[in-house]
Amino acid sequence: MIAPRDGTIVQVVNDIADNEPVGTMNADQPIGNVVVLDHGGGSTAFWPI
């Protein structure tokens, strides 16, 4: 992963199962697995993984 700017990883979620069948949505965890970066100054990036 290449971040768009310098930042600090503030959250990693990597334990949500893939949607089965493909194309369905997990209503309890709609964002899914993600890395959250804090770039400072109120700027945050969410990267699905």
Protein backbone atom coordinates (compact mmCIF):
# COMPACT_ATOMS: atom_id res chain seq x y z
CA MET A 1 0.00 0.00 0.00
CA ILE A 2 1.25 3.46 -0.86
CA ALA A 3 -0.28 6.24 1.21
CA PRO A 4 -1.39 9.44 -0.52
CA ARG A 5 0.52 11.50 2.11
CA ASP A 6 2.61 10.95 5.20
CA GLY A 7 0.54 9.82 8.14
CA THR A 8 0.09 7.49 11.06
CA ILE A 9 -1.86 4.23 10.94
CA VAL A 10 -4.55 4.62 13.60
CA GLN A 11 -6.69 1.54 12.91
CA VAL A 12 -6.46 -1.77 11.06
CA VAL A 13 -9.45 -4.08 10.66
CA ASN A 14 -8.48 -7.37 9.04
CA ASP A 15 -10.82 -9.96 10.57
CA ILE A 16 -14.06 -9.45 8.65
CA ALA A 17 -14.91 -12.39 6.42
CA ASP A 18 -15.29 -11.85 2.68
CA ASN A 19 -18.86 -11.44 1.48
CA GLU A 20 -20.34 -14.71 0.23
CA PRO A 21 -21.67 -14.81 -2.35
CA VAL A 22 -19.64 -12.05 -3.97
CA GLY A 23 -21.76 -8.96 -4.40
CA THR A 24 -23.68 -9.24 -1.13
CA MET A 25 -23.21 -6.63 1.58
CA ASN A 26 -22.36 -7.19 5.22
CA ALA A 27 -24.88 -4.80 6.84
CA ASP A 28 -23.13 -5.09 10.23
CA GLN A 29 -19.70 -4.08 8.86
CA PRO A 30 -20.37 -2.25 5.56
CA ILE A 31 -16.86 -0.74 5.34
CA GLY A 32 -15.26 -4.18 5.67
CA ASN A 33 -11.54 -4.66 6.23
CA VAL A 34 -9.77 -1.32 6.23
CA VAL A 35 -6.63 0.60 7.15
CA VAL A 36 -7.24 4.10 8.55
CA LEU A 37 -4.51 6.73 8.22
CA ASP A 38 -4.39 10.02 10.13
CA HIS A 39 -2.61 12.67 8.05
CA GLY A 40 -2.97 15.38 10.69
CA GLY A 41 -4.92 18.60 10.48
CA GLY A 42 -8.22 16.71 10.45
CA SER A 43 -7.34 14.74 7.29
CA THR A 44 -8.02 10.98 7.42
CA ALA A 45 -7.84 8.29 4.71
CA PHE A 46 -9.70 4.96 4.67
CA TRP A 47 -8.10 2.21 2.56
CA PRO A 48 -10.11 -0.97 1.97
CA ILE A 49 -7.98 -4.09 2.15
